[in-house]
Amino acid sequence: MKVARLRAAFRASYGKLNPSEGAEVDPVKLADLFDPEDRAVRAAGCDLSAYASARLQEICASMRLEPEVAFADPEVQAVLAQFARAAPIFSAAVQAYCRSGLSEGDILLRAVEDWSLDAEAMRSALLGALGAADESFLRQTGLPARTARQLRLRERLAWRIDECVMRLRGRVATELELRPDAASSPPVLAWVWRLGRWAAPQIKDRGPCAAPA
């Protein structure tokens, strides 16, 4: 009875994942349900197999069900197998589309340091980075090219690039009062670019979900 409740809990969260129930499980769609910023996903090292096992153990604890009993159930094993199929897809997506240097704040920093606030140069470089991310994902997974465009992580990065380019194009020249180091010196006015509000550059903690630079 408790094992049936366990299955129902997973079904309510992730849909039908047991092929014996007539479910057609798409590992890409299953992987796309998860976010690397989710605390439980991060705790599992962005490994969906580890995440599913940990989630099952949590549910077992809440139901006072022995984990050994749950993990021995054929239907539970079938569900875990689906997470195992989705795990490398999710991992590849995180590595490809959540790389350091592609957050909003990091893009602003690069716009100043690398592209001299040239919106078109920034757009060209970031689209190149997006293309390289697509190649990385497809190389790691061996999936068809159209698969990459189905991913929320990829869509999120593409939107971020478009938004940052539009904001840089909309920059406005304005005067800013600057105060020299010497306290007795009068302030001076200087022309600067007003870029609006941007998120701060990310400082990677190199945790289990941190993507390589």
N, C-alpha and C. Protein backbone atom coordinates (compact mmCIF):
# COMPACT_ATOMS: atom_id res chain seq x y z
N MET A 1 0.83 -1.20 0.00
CA MET A 1 0.00 0.00 0.00
C MET A 1 0.87 1.25 0.00
N LYS A 2 1.91 1.26 0.86
CA LYS A 2 2.79 2.42 0.91
C LYS A 2 3.57 2.59 -0.38
N VAL A 3 3.98 1.48 -1.00
CA VAL A 3 4.70 1.55 -2.26
C VAL A 3 3.80 2.16 -3.34
N ALA A 4 2.51 1.81 -3.31
CA ALA A 4 1.56 2.38 -4.27
C ALA A 4 1.45 3.89 -4.07
N ARG A 5 1.46 4.34 -2.82
CA ARG A 5 1.42 5.77 -2.54
C ARG A 5 2.69 6.46 -3.01
N LEU A 6 3.81 5.75 -2.87
CA LEU A 6 5.08 6.27 -3.34
C LEU A 6 5.05 6.48 -4.85
N ARG A 7 4.55 5.48 -5.57
CA ARG A 7 4.44 5.60 -7.03
C ARG A 7 3.54 6.78 -7.40
N ALA A 8 2.42 6.92 -6.67
CA ALA A 8 1.47 7.99 -6.95
C ALA A 8 2.10 9.36 -6.73
N ALA A 9 2.96 9.47 -5.70
CA ALA A 9 3.62 10.74 -5.42
C ALA A 9 4.54 11.14 -6.57
N PHE A 10 5.27 10.18 -7.10
CA PHE A 10 6.16 10.48 -8.23
C PHE A 10 5.35 10.80 -9.48
N ARG A 11 4.26 10.06 -9.69
CA ARG A 11 3.42 10.30 -10.86
C ARG A 11 2.82 11.70 -10.82
N ALA A 12 2.43 12.15 -9.63
CA ALA A 12 1.85 13.48 -9.49
C ALA A 12 2.86 14.58 -9.81
N SER A 13 4.12 14.34 -9.50
CA SER A 13 5.16 15.35 -9.72
C SER A 13 5.71 15.34 -11.13
N TYR A 14 5.88 14.16 -11.72
CA TYR A 14 6.62 14.06 -12.98
C TYR A 14 5.85 13.38 -14.11
N GLY A 15 4.59 13.02 -13.85
CA GLY A 15 3.82 12.33 -14.87
C GLY A 15 4.11 10.84 -14.88
N LYS A 16 3.52 10.15 -15.83
CA LYS A 16 3.72 8.70 -15.93
C LYS A 16 5.11 8.42 -16.48
N LEU A 17 5.91 7.70 -15.70
CA LEU A 17 7.28 7.39 -16.10
C LEU A 17 7.51 5.90 -16.25
N ASN A 18 6.46 5.11 -16.08
CA ASN A 18 6.60 3.66 -16.16
C ASN A 18 6.08 3.18 -17.51
N PRO A 19 6.94 2.68 -18.39
CA PRO A 19 6.49 2.21 -19.70
C PRO A 19 5.41 1.13 -19.61
N SER A 20 5.38 0.36 -18.51
CA SER A 20 4.37 -0.69 -18.38
C SER A 20 2.96 -0.11 -18.25
N GLU A 21 2.87 1.19 -17.93
CA GLU A 21 1.58 1.85 -17.84
C GLU A 21 1.16 2.46 -19.16
N GLY A 22 1.91 2.16 -20.19
CA GLY A 22 1.60 2.70 -21.51
C GLY A 22 2.18 4.08 -21.74
N ALA A 23 3.06 4.51 -20.87
CA ALA A 23 3.65 5.84 -20.99
C ALA A 23 4.79 5.83 -22.00
N GLU A 24 4.82 6.85 -22.87
CA GLU A 24 5.93 7.04 -23.78
C GLU A 24 6.83 8.11 -23.16
N VAL A 25 7.89 7.66 -22.54
CA VAL A 25 8.74 8.57 -21.77
C VAL A 25 9.81 9.16 -22.68
N ASP A 26 9.82 10.50 -22.78
CA ASP A 26 10.83 11.21 -23.54
C ASP A 26 11.88 11.72 -22.55
N PRO A 27 13.09 11.19 -22.59
CA PRO A 27 14.10 11.61 -21.61
C PRO A 27 14.46 13.09 -21.71
N VAL A 28 14.33 13.65 -22.92
CA VAL A 28 14.61 15.09 -23.08
C VAL A 28 13.58 15.92 -22.32
N LYS A 29 12.30 15.55 -22.45
CA LYS A 29 11.26 16.29 -21.74
C LYS A 29 11.38 16.11 -20.24
N LEU A 30 11.77 14.92 -19.81
CA LEU A 30 11.96 14.70 -18.38
C LEU A 30 13.12 15.56 -17.87
N ALA A 31 14.22 15.57 -18.59
CA ALA A 31 15.37 16.39 -18.18
C ALA A 31 15.00 17.87 -18.14
N ASP A 32 14.12 18.27 -19.05
CA ASP A 32 13.76 19.68 -19.16
C ASP A 32 12.87 20.17 -18.02
N LEU A 33 12.39 19.26 -17.19
CA LEU A 33 11.57 19.65 -16.05
C LEU A 33 12.40 20.28 -14.93
N PHE A 34 13.71 20.09 -14.97
CA PHE A 34 14.54 20.43 -13.83
C PHE A 34 15.38 21.67 -14.10
N ASP A 35 15.71 22.35 -12.99
CA ASP A 35 16.47 23.59 -13.05
C ASP A 35 17.74 23.42 -12.19
N PRO A 36 18.91 23.73 -12.74
CA PRO A 36 20.14 23.56 -11.96
C PRO A 36 20.22 24.48 -10.74
N GLU A 37 19.36 25.52 -10.69
CA GLU A 37 19.36 26.40 -9.53
C GLU A 37 18.48 25.87 -8.40
N ASP A 38 17.71 24.83 -8.67
CA ASP A 38 16.88 24.24 -7.62
C ASP A 38 17.79 23.64 -6.54
N ARG A 39 17.44 23.90 -5.30
CA ARG A 39 18.31 23.48 -4.19
C ARG A 39 18.52 21.96 -4.16
N ALA A 40 17.45 21.21 -4.36
CA ALA A 40 17.56 19.75 -4.30
C ALA A 40 18.39 19.21 -5.47
N VAL A 41 18.24 19.84 -6.63
CA VAL A 41 19.03 19.43 -7.80
C VAL A 41 20.51 19.73 -7.56
N ARG A 42 20.78 20.89 -7.00
CA ARG A 42 22.18 21.23 -6.70
C ARG A 42 22.76 20.28 -5.66
N ALA A 43 21.95 19.93 -4.66
CA ALA A 43 22.44 19.02 -3.62
C ALA A 43 22.81 17.67 -4.21
N ALA A 44 22.15 17.29 -5.30
CA ALA A 44 22.44 16.02 -5.96
C ALA A 44 23.54 16.16 -7.00
N GLY A 45 24.19 17.32 -7.05
CA GLY A 45 25.27 17.52 -8.02
C GLY A 45 24.77 17.61 -9.44
N CYS A 46 23.53 18.02 -9.62
CA CYS A 46 22.90 18.10 -10.95
C CYS A 46 22.86 16.74 -11.63
N ASP A 47 22.86 15.70 -10.84
CA ASP A 47 22.75 14.33 -11.34
C ASP A 47 21.31 13.88 -11.07
N LEU A 48 20.51 13.71 -12.14
CA LEU A 48 19.11 13.39 -11.94
C LEU A 48 18.90 12.00 -11.36
N SER A 49 19.82 11.09 -11.61
CA SER A 49 19.70 9.77 -10.99
C SER A 49 19.85 9.89 -9.47
N ALA A 50 20.84 10.66 -9.04
CA ALA A 50 21.03 10.87 -7.60
C ALA A 50 19.87 11.65 -7.01
N TYR A 51 19.36 12.60 -7.79
CA TYR A 51 18.21 13.39 -7.31
C TYR A 51 17.00 12.48 -7.08
N ALA A 52 16.71 11.61 -8.06
CA ALA A 52 15.55 10.73 -7.94
C ALA A 52 15.70 9.79 -6.75
N SER A 53 16.89 9.26 -6.54
CA SER A 53 17.12 8.37 -5.40
C SER A 53 16.92 9.11 -4.08
N ALA A 54 17.45 10.33 -4.00
CA ALA A 54 17.30 11.12 -2.78
C ALA A 54 15.84 11.47 -2.54
N ARG A 55 15.12 11.80 -3.60
CA ARG A 55 13.70 12.14 -3.46
C ARG A 55 12.91 10.93 -2.99
N LEU A 56 13.22 9.77 -3.54
CA LEU A 56 12.55 8.55 -3.11
C LEU A 56 12.80 8.28 -1.63
N GLN A 57 14.01 8.48 -1.20
CA GLN A 57 14.34 8.24 0.20
C GLN A 57 13.60 9.22 1.11
N GLU A 58 13.45 10.47 0.67
CA GLU A 58 12.69 11.44 1.44
C GLU A 58 11.23 11.00 1.60
N ILE A 59 10.65 10.55 0.50
CA ILE A 59 9.25 10.11 0.54
C ILE A 59 9.12 8.88 1.43
N CYS A 60 10.07 7.96 1.31
CA CYS A 60 10.05 6.76 2.16
C CYS A 60 10.09 7.15 3.64
N ALA A 61 10.95 8.13 3.96
CA ALA A 61 11.05 8.57 5.35
C ALA A 61 9.73 9.16 5.83
N SER A 62 9.07 9.95 4.97
CA SER A 62 7.80 10.56 5.37
C SER A 62 6.70 9.52 5.53
N MET A 63 6.80 8.41 4.80
CA MET A 63 5.80 7.35 4.87
C MET A 63 6.19 6.23 5.82
N ARG A 64 7.39 6.35 6.39
CA ARG A 64 7.93 5.29 7.25
C ARG A 64 7.98 3.96 6.50
N LEU A 65 8.49 4.07 5.29
CA LEU A 65 8.64 2.91 4.43
C LEU A 65 10.12 2.61 4.27
N GLU A 66 10.48 1.35 4.44
CA GLU A 66 11.89 0.97 4.28
C GLU A 66 12.35 1.23 2.85
N PRO A 67 13.42 2.02 2.65
CA PRO A 67 13.90 2.29 1.29
C PRO A 67 14.21 1.03 0.50
N GLU A 68 14.72 -0.02 1.21
CA GLU A 68 15.05 -1.27 0.50
C GLU A 68 13.81 -1.87 -0.14
N VAL A 69 12.68 -1.75 0.53
CA VAL A 69 11.42 -2.28 -0.02
C VAL A 69 11.02 -1.49 -1.25
N ALA A 70 11.12 -0.17 -1.15
CA ALA A 70 10.73 0.68 -2.28
C ALA A 70 11.63 0.45 -3.49
N PHE A 71 12.94 0.42 -3.25
CA PHE A 71 13.87 0.30 -4.37
C PHE A 71 13.82 -1.08 -5.02
N ALA A 72 13.27 -2.06 -4.33
CA ALA A 72 13.15 -3.41 -4.89
C ALA A 72 11.89 -3.55 -5.73
N ASP A 73 10.98 -2.59 -5.65
CA ASP A 73 9.74 -2.68 -6.41
C ASP A 73 10.01 -2.50 -7.90
N PRO A 74 9.51 -3.39 -8.76
CA PRO A 74 9.80 -3.30 -10.21
C PRO A 74 9.35 -1.97 -10.83
N GLU A 75 8.21 -1.46 -10.40
CA GLU A 75 7.73 -0.20 -10.98
C GLU A 75 8.59 0.97 -10.55
N VAL A 76 9.05 0.96 -9.32
CA VAL A 76 9.96 2.01 -8.86
C VAL A 76 11.28 1.92 -9.63
N GLN A 77 11.76 0.72 -9.86
CA GLN A 77 12.98 0.55 -10.63
C GLN A 77 12.82 1.07 -12.05
N ALA A 78 11.62 0.86 -12.62
CA ALA A 78 11.36 1.35 -13.97
C ALA A 78 11.39 2.88 -14.01
N VAL A 79 10.86 3.50 -12.96
CA VAL A 79 10.88 4.97 -12.89
C VAL A 79 12.32 5.47 -12.75
N LEU A 80 13.10 4.83 -11.89
CA LEU A 80 14.50 5.23 -11.71
C LEU A 80 15.29 5.08 -13.01
N ALA A 81 14.92 4.08 -13.80
CA ALA A 81 15.60 3.88 -15.08
C ALA A 81 15.36 5.06 -16.03
N GLN A 82 14.16 5.66 -15.95
CA GLN A 82 13.87 6.81 -16.79
C GLN A 82 14.71 8.02 -16.37
N PHE A 83 14.89 8.18 -15.06
CA PHE A 83 15.76 9.26 -14.59
C PHE A 83 17.19 9.01 -15.02
N ALA A 84 17.61 7.76 -15.04
CA ALA A 84 18.96 7.43 -15.49
C ALA A 84 19.16 7.80 -16.96
N ARG A 85 18.11 7.64 -17.77
CA ARG A 85 18.18 8.03 -19.19
C ARG A 85 18.25 9.55 -19.34
N ALA A 86 17.53 10.26 -18.48
CA ALA A 86 17.49 11.72 -18.58
C ALA A 86 18.72 12.39 -18.00
N ALA A 87 19.41 11.70 -17.07
CA ALA A 87 20.52 12.32 -16.33
C ALA A 87 21.63 12.86 -17.24
N PRO A 88 22.16 12.09 -18.20
CA PRO A 88 23.24 12.64 -19.02
C PRO A 88 22.79 13.79 -19.92
N ILE A 89 21.51 13.81 -20.29
CA ILE A 89 20.99 14.90 -21.10
C ILE A 89 20.96 16.19 -20.29
N PHE A 90 20.48 16.08 -19.06
CA PHE A 90 20.44 17.26 -18.19
C PHE A 90 21.85 17.75 -17.88
N SER A 91 22.74 16.84 -17.58
CA SER A 91 24.12 17.21 -17.28
C SER A 91 24.77 17.93 -18.46
N ALA A 92 24.54 17.42 -19.67
CA ALA A 92 25.10 18.06 -20.86
C ALA A 92 24.51 19.45 -21.07
N ALA A 93 23.21 19.61 -20.80
CA ALA A 93 22.57 20.91 -20.96
C ALA A 93 23.13 21.92 -19.96
N VAL A 94 23.34 21.49 -18.73
CA VAL A 94 23.91 22.39 -17.71
C VAL A 94 25.32 22.82 -18.12
N GLN A 95 26.13 21.87 -18.55
CA GLN A 95 27.49 22.20 -18.95
C GLN A 95 27.52 23.13 -20.15
N ALA A 96 26.57 22.96 -21.07
CA ALA A 96 26.57 23.75 -22.29
C ALA A 96 25.99 25.15 -22.09
N TYR A 97 24.87 25.26 -21.38
CA TYR A 97 24.11 26.52 -21.36
C TYR A 97 24.20 27.29 -20.04
N CYS A 98 24.90 26.75 -19.07
CA CYS A 98 25.05 27.45 -17.78
C CYS A 98 26.51 27.72 -17.49
N ARG A 99 27.27 27.93 -18.53
CA ARG A 99 28.70 28.17 -18.37
C ARG A 99 28.94 29.51 -17.70
N SER A 100 30.04 29.62 -16.99
CA SER A 100 30.42 30.91 -16.41
C SER A 100 30.72 31.89 -17.54
N GLY A 101 30.45 33.17 -17.27
CA GLY A 101 30.67 34.22 -18.27
C GLY A 101 29.44 34.54 -19.08
N LEU A 102 28.32 33.82 -18.85
CA LEU A 102 27.12 34.05 -19.64
C LEU A 102 25.94 34.52 -18.78
N SER A 103 26.20 34.87 -17.52
CA SER A 103 25.15 35.49 -16.72
C SER A 103 24.99 36.94 -17.17
N GLU A 104 23.91 37.58 -16.75
CA GLU A 104 23.67 38.97 -17.14
C GLU A 104 24.81 39.88 -16.69
N GLY A 105 25.22 39.72 -15.43
CA GLY A 105 26.30 40.57 -14.93
C GLY A 105 27.62 40.31 -15.62
N ASP A 106 27.90 39.05 -15.92
CA ASP A 106 29.14 38.71 -16.61
C ASP A 106 29.15 39.28 -18.03
N ILE A 107 27.98 39.27 -18.68
CA ILE A 107 27.88 39.83 -20.03
C ILE A 107 28.14 41.33 -20.00
N LEU A 108 27.61 42.03 -18.99
CA LEU A 108 27.87 43.47 -18.86
C LEU A 108 29.36 43.72 -18.68
N LEU A 109 29.99 42.93 -17.82
CA LEU A 109 31.42 43.11 -17.57
C LEU A 109 32.22 42.91 -18.86
N ARG A 110 31.85 41.90 -19.62
CA ARG A 110 32.54 41.65 -20.90
C ARG A 110 32.23 42.75 -21.92
N ALA A 111 31.01 43.30 -21.85
CA ALA A 111 30.66 44.39 -22.77
C ALA A 111 31.59 45.58 -22.57
N VAL A 112 31.98 45.82 -21.32
CA VAL A 112 32.88 46.93 -21.02
C VAL A 112 34.33 46.56 -21.35
N GLU A 113 34.74 45.38 -20.90
CA GLU A 113 36.16 45.02 -21.02
C GLU A 113 36.55 44.51 -22.40
N ASP A 114 35.66 43.76 -23.03
CA ASP A 114 36.02 43.08 -24.28
C ASP A 114 35.45 43.73 -25.53
N TRP A 115 34.26 44.35 -25.41
CA TRP A 115 33.57 44.82 -26.61
C TRP A 115 33.38 46.33 -26.66
N SER A 116 33.97 47.04 -25.70
CA SER A 116 33.91 48.52 -25.68
C SER A 116 32.50 49.05 -25.87
N LEU A 117 31.53 48.35 -25.26
CA LEU A 117 30.10 48.72 -25.31
C LEU A 117 29.56 48.75 -26.73
N ASP A 118 30.18 47.97 -27.62
CA ASP A 118 29.69 47.85 -28.99
C ASP A 118 28.65 46.73 -29.02
N ALA A 119 27.38 47.10 -29.19
CA ALA A 119 26.29 46.13 -29.11
C ALA A 119 26.40 45.06 -30.19
N GLU A 120 26.83 45.46 -31.39
CA GLU A 120 26.90 44.48 -32.48
C GLU A 120 28.06 43.51 -32.27
N ALA A 121 29.17 44.00 -31.75
CA ALA A 121 30.29 43.10 -31.44
C ALA A 121 29.88 42.13 -30.35
N MET A 122 29.14 42.64 -29.35
CA MET A 122 28.68 41.77 -28.28
C MET A 122 27.72 40.72 -28.82
N ARG A 123 26.78 41.15 -29.66
CA ARG A 123 25.80 40.21 -30.21
C ARG A 123 26.49 39.10 -31.00
N SER A 124 27.46 39.47 -31.84
CA SER A 124 28.18 38.48 -32.64
C SER A 124 28.91 37.47 -31.75
N ALA A 125 29.57 37.99 -30.72
CA ALA A 125 30.33 37.10 -29.83
C ALA A 125 29.40 36.18 -29.05
N LEU A 126 28.27 36.71 -28.56
CA LEU A 126 27.37 35.90 -27.76
C LEU A 126 26.62 34.87 -28.60
N LEU A 127 26.27 35.23 -29.82
CA LEU A 127 25.65 34.23 -30.70
C LEU A 127 26.65 33.12 -31.03
N GLY A 128 27.91 33.50 -31.14
CA GLY A 128 28.94 32.48 -31.33
C GLY A 128 29.03 31.55 -30.13
N ALA A 129 28.91 32.14 -28.93
CA ALA A 129 28.93 31.33 -27.71
C ALA A 129 27.73 30.42 -27.63
N LEU A 130 26.56 30.92 -28.08
CA LEU A 130 25.36 30.09 -28.09
C LEU A 130 25.51 28.92 -29.07
N GLY A 131 26.09 29.20 -30.24
CA GLY A 131 26.33 28.14 -31.21
C GLY A 131 27.29 27.09 -30.67
N ALA A 132 28.33 27.56 -29.97
CA ALA A 132 29.29 26.62 -29.38
C ALA A 132 28.62 25.78 -28.29
N ALA A 133 27.69 26.40 -27.54
CA ALA A 133 26.96 25.65 -26.52
C ALA A 133 26.09 24.57 -27.16
N ASP A 134 25.44 24.91 -28.28
CA ASP A 134 24.64 23.91 -29.00
C ASP A 134 25.52 22.74 -29.43
N GLU A 135 26.67 23.05 -29.99
CA GLU A 135 27.57 21.99 -30.45
C GLU A 135 28.02 21.11 -29.29
N SER A 136 28.30 21.74 -28.16
CA SER A 136 28.72 20.98 -26.98
C SER A 136 27.63 20.03 -26.52
N PHE A 137 26.40 20.54 -26.45
CA PHE A 137 25.28 19.69 -26.01
C PHE A 137 25.05 18.52 -26.97
N LEU A 138 25.04 18.80 -28.25
CA LEU A 138 24.77 17.75 -29.24
C LEU A 138 25.91 16.74 -29.29
N ARG A 139 27.13 17.21 -29.12
CA ARG A 139 28.28 16.29 -29.14
C ARG A 139 28.23 15.35 -27.94
N GLN A 140 27.83 15.86 -26.79
CA GLN A 140 27.78 15.02 -25.59
C GLN A 140 26.63 14.03 -25.60
N THR A 141 25.52 14.41 -26.23
CA THR A 141 24.33 13.56 -26.18
C THR A 141 24.09 12.74 -27.42
N GLY A 142 24.61 13.19 -28.57
CA GLY A 142 24.35 12.50 -29.82
C GLY A 142 22.92 12.65 -30.31
N LEU A 143 22.20 13.62 -29.79
CA LEU A 143 20.80 13.83 -30.15
C LEU A 143 20.69 14.66 -31.43
N PRO A 144 19.53 14.64 -32.11
CA PRO A 144 19.34 15.46 -33.31
C PRO A 144 19.46 16.95 -32.98
N ALA A 145 19.85 17.73 -33.99
CA ALA A 145 20.10 19.16 -33.78
C ALA A 145 18.86 19.90 -33.27
N ARG A 146 17.67 19.47 -33.71
CA ARG A 146 16.45 20.18 -33.29
C ARG A 146 16.21 20.05 -31.77
N THR A 147 16.82 19.06 -31.15
CA THR A 147 16.58 18.82 -29.73
C THR A 147 17.04 19.99 -28.88
N ALA A 148 18.16 20.60 -29.24
CA ALA A 148 18.70 21.69 -28.43
C ALA A 148 17.70 22.82 -28.28
N ARG A 149 16.97 23.13 -29.34
CA ARG A 149 16.03 24.25 -29.29
C ARG A 149 14.80 23.96 -28.45
N GLN A 150 14.64 22.72 -28.01
CA GLN A 150 13.51 22.37 -27.15
C GLN A 150 13.80 22.62 -25.67
N LEU A 151 15.04 22.91 -25.34
CA LEU A 151 15.46 22.98 -23.95
C LEU A 151 15.19 24.36 -23.35
N ARG A 152 14.65 24.37 -22.13
CA ARG A 152 14.40 25.64 -21.45
C ARG A 152 15.71 26.35 -21.10
N LEU A 153 16.75 25.59 -20.74
CA LEU A 153 18.02 26.22 -20.41
C LEU A 153 18.60 26.94 -21.62
N ARG A 154 18.43 26.36 -22.79
CA ARG A 154 18.92 27.00 -24.01
C ARG A 154 18.07 28.22 -24.35
N GLU A 155 16.77 28.09 -24.20
CA GLU A 155 15.86 29.20 -24.47
C GLU A 155 16.14 30.37 -23.53
N ARG A 156 16.41 30.05 -22.27
CA ARG A 156 16.70 31.09 -21.28
C ARG A 156 17.96 31.86 -21.65
N LEU A 157 19.00 31.15 -22.11
CA LEU A 157 20.23 31.80 -22.51
C LEU A 157 20.01 32.67 -23.75
N ALA A 158 19.25 32.17 -24.73
CA ALA A 158 18.98 32.94 -25.95
C ALA A 158 18.23 34.23 -25.61
N TRP A 159 17.23 34.13 -24.73
CA TRP A 159 16.49 35.33 -24.31
C TRP A 159 17.42 36.32 -23.61
N ARG A 160 18.31 35.81 -22.75
CA ARG A 160 19.23 36.69 -22.02
C ARG A 160 20.13 37.44 -22.99
N ILE A 161 20.60 36.75 -24.01
CA ILE A 161 21.46 37.40 -25.01
C ILE A 161 20.69 38.51 -25.72
N ASP A 162 19.47 38.21 -26.18
CA ASP A 162 18.67 39.22 -26.87
C ASP A 162 18.39 40.42 -25.98
N GLU A 163 18.05 40.15 -24.71
CA GLU A 163 17.74 41.22 -23.78
C GLU A 163 18.96 42.11 -23.52
N CYS A 164 20.11 41.50 -23.34
CA CYS A 164 21.33 42.27 -23.07
C CYS A 164 21.72 43.12 -24.28
N VAL A 165 21.57 42.58 -25.48
CA VAL A 165 21.89 43.34 -26.68
C VAL A 165 20.95 44.54 -26.82
N MET A 166 19.67 44.33 -26.60
CA MET A 166 18.70 45.43 -26.71
C MET A 166 18.99 46.52 -25.69
N ARG A 167 19.35 46.12 -24.47
CA ARG A 167 19.63 47.11 -23.44
C ARG A 167 20.89 47.90 -23.74
N LEU A 168 21.89 47.23 -24.32
CA LEU A 168 23.11 47.95 -24.67
C LEU A 168 22.86 48.90 -25.83
N ARG A 169 22.02 48.49 -26.77
CA ARG A 169 21.67 49.38 -27.87
C ARG A 169 20.92 50.63 -27.37
N GLY A 170 20.22 50.47 -26.26
CA GLY A 170 19.44 51.58 -25.72
C GLY A 170 20.20 52.44 -24.74
N ARG A 171 21.51 52.31 -24.66
CA ARG A 171 22.28 53.11 -23.71
C ARG A 171 22.15 54.59 -24.03
N VAL A 172 22.25 55.41 -22.99
CA VAL A 172 22.07 56.86 -23.12
C VAL A 172 23.27 57.56 -22.49
N ALA A 173 23.79 58.58 -23.19
CA ALA A 173 24.88 59.38 -22.64
C ALA A 173 24.33 60.33 -21.59
N THR A 174 25.04 60.42 -20.48
CA THR A 174 24.61 61.31 -19.41
C THR A 174 25.83 61.82 -18.66
N GLU A 175 25.64 62.89 -17.91
CA GLU A 175 26.73 63.45 -17.11
C GLU A 175 26.68 62.90 -15.69
N LEU A 176 27.84 62.58 -15.18
CA LEU A 176 27.94 62.04 -13.83
C LEU A 176 28.96 62.85 -13.04
N GLU A 177 28.57 63.19 -11.81
CA GLU A 177 29.48 63.95 -10.96
C GLU A 177 30.49 63.01 -10.33
N LEU A 178 31.76 63.30 -10.56
CA LEU A 178 32.84 62.49 -10.01
C LEU A 178 33.61 63.31 -8.98
N ARG A 179 33.98 62.67 -7.90
CA ARG A 179 34.74 63.36 -6.86
C ARG A 179 36.17 62.83 -6.86
N PRO A 180 37.14 63.69 -7.06
CA PRO A 180 38.55 63.26 -7.03
C PRO A 180 38.92 62.69 -5.66
N ASP A 181 40.08 62.05 -5.61
CA ASP A 181 40.52 61.45 -4.35
C ASP A 181 40.75 62.49 -3.27
N ALA A 182 41.29 63.62 -3.65
CA ALA A 182 41.57 64.66 -2.66
C ALA A 182 40.26 65.26 -2.17
N ALA A 183 40.09 65.25 -0.85
CA ALA A 183 38.82 65.75 -0.28
C ALA A 183 38.59 67.21 -0.59
N SER A 184 39.67 67.98 -0.75
CA SER A 184 39.52 69.42 -0.99
C SER A 184 39.22 69.75 -2.43
N SER A 185 39.39 68.79 -3.32
CA SER A 185 39.17 69.05 -4.75
C SER A 185 37.68 69.11 -5.05
N PRO A 186 37.26 70.03 -5.90
CA PRO A 186 35.85 70.13 -6.24
C PRO A 186 35.44 68.98 -7.16
N PRO A 187 34.16 68.59 -7.11
CA PRO A 187 33.69 67.53 -8.01
C PRO A 187 33.74 68.00 -9.46
N VAL A 188 33.87 67.04 -10.36
CA VAL A 188 33.90 67.35 -11.79
C VAL A 188 32.81 66.53 -12.48
N LEU A 189 32.32 67.05 -13.59
CA LEU A 189 31.31 66.35 -14.38
C LEU A 189 31.99 65.62 -15.53
N ALA A 190 31.57 64.39 -15.75
CA ALA A 190 32.12 63.58 -16.85
C ALA A 190 30.97 62.90 -17.59
N TRP A 191 31.16 62.78 -18.90
CA TRP A 191 30.15 62.08 -19.70
C TRP A 191 30.35 60.57 -19.57
N VAL A 192 29.27 59.87 -19.30
CA VAL A 192 29.31 58.41 -19.16
C VAL A 192 28.10 57.83 -19.90
N TRP A 193 28.14 56.51 -20.09
CA TRP A 193 26.99 55.81 -20.64
C TRP A 193 26.11 55.31 -19.50
N ARG A 194 24.82 55.62 -19.57
CA ARG A 194 23.87 55.07 -18.61
C ARG A 194 23.30 53.78 -19.20
N LEU A 195 23.53 52.68 -18.52
CA LEU A 195 23.18 51.35 -19.05
C LEU A 195 21.98 50.74 -18.35
N GLY A 196 21.43 51.41 -17.35
CA GLY A 196 20.29 50.84 -16.64
C GLY A 196 20.74 49.86 -15.58
N ARG A 197 19.78 49.09 -15.05
CA ARG A 197 20.07 48.13 -13.98
C ARG A 197 20.43 46.77 -14.57
N TRP A 198 21.54 46.22 -14.11
CA TRP A 198 21.98 44.89 -14.51
C TRP A 198 22.29 44.09 -13.26
N ALA A 199 22.11 42.79 -13.35
CA ALA A 199 22.49 41.92 -12.25
C ALA A 199 24.01 41.93 -12.10
N ALA A 200 24.47 41.73 -10.88
CA ALA A 200 25.92 41.71 -10.63
C ALA A 200 26.55 40.47 -11.26
N PRO A 201 27.81 40.54 -11.65
CA PRO A 201 28.50 39.34 -12.15
C PRO A 201 28.46 38.22 -11.12
N GLN A 202 28.29 37.00 -11.58
CA GLN A 202 28.21 35.86 -10.68
C GLN A 202 29.60 35.45 -10.21
N ILE A 203 29.69 35.13 -8.93
CA ILE A 203 30.92 34.56 -8.38
C ILE A 203 30.66 33.08 -8.17
N LYS A 204 31.22 32.26 -9.01
CA LYS A 204 30.96 30.83 -8.97
C LYS A 204 31.56 30.21 -7.72
N ASP A 205 30.76 29.39 -7.03
CA ASP A 205 31.27 28.72 -5.85
C ASP A 205 31.91 27.38 -6.16
N ARG A 206 31.90 27.04 -7.47
CA ARG A 206 32.46 25.76 -7.91
C ARG A 206 31.82 24.60 -7.15
N GLY A 207 30.52 24.76 -6.90
CA GLY A 207 29.76 23.68 -6.29
C GLY A 207 29.52 22.59 -7.30
N PRO A 208 28.72 21.59 -6.95
CA PRO A 208 28.54 20.43 -7.82
C PRO A 208 27.90 20.76 -9.15
N CYS A 209 27.15 21.89 -9.24
CA CYS A 209 26.51 22.25 -10.50
C CYS A 209 27.27 23.31 -11.26
N ALA A 210 28.41 23.75 -10.75
CA ALA A 210 29.14 24.80 -11.42
C ALA A 210 29.69 24.30 -12.74
N ALA A 211 29.34 25.00 -13.84
CA ALA A 211 29.81 24.60 -15.16
C ALA A 211 31.21 25.12 -15.38
N PRO A 212 31.99 24.46 -16.24
CA PRO A 212 33.35 24.93 -16.48
C PRO A 212 33.38 26.26 -17.19
N ALA A 213 34.44 27.01 -17.03
CA ALA A 213 34.57 28.30 -17.71
C ALA A 213 34.85 28.09 -19.18
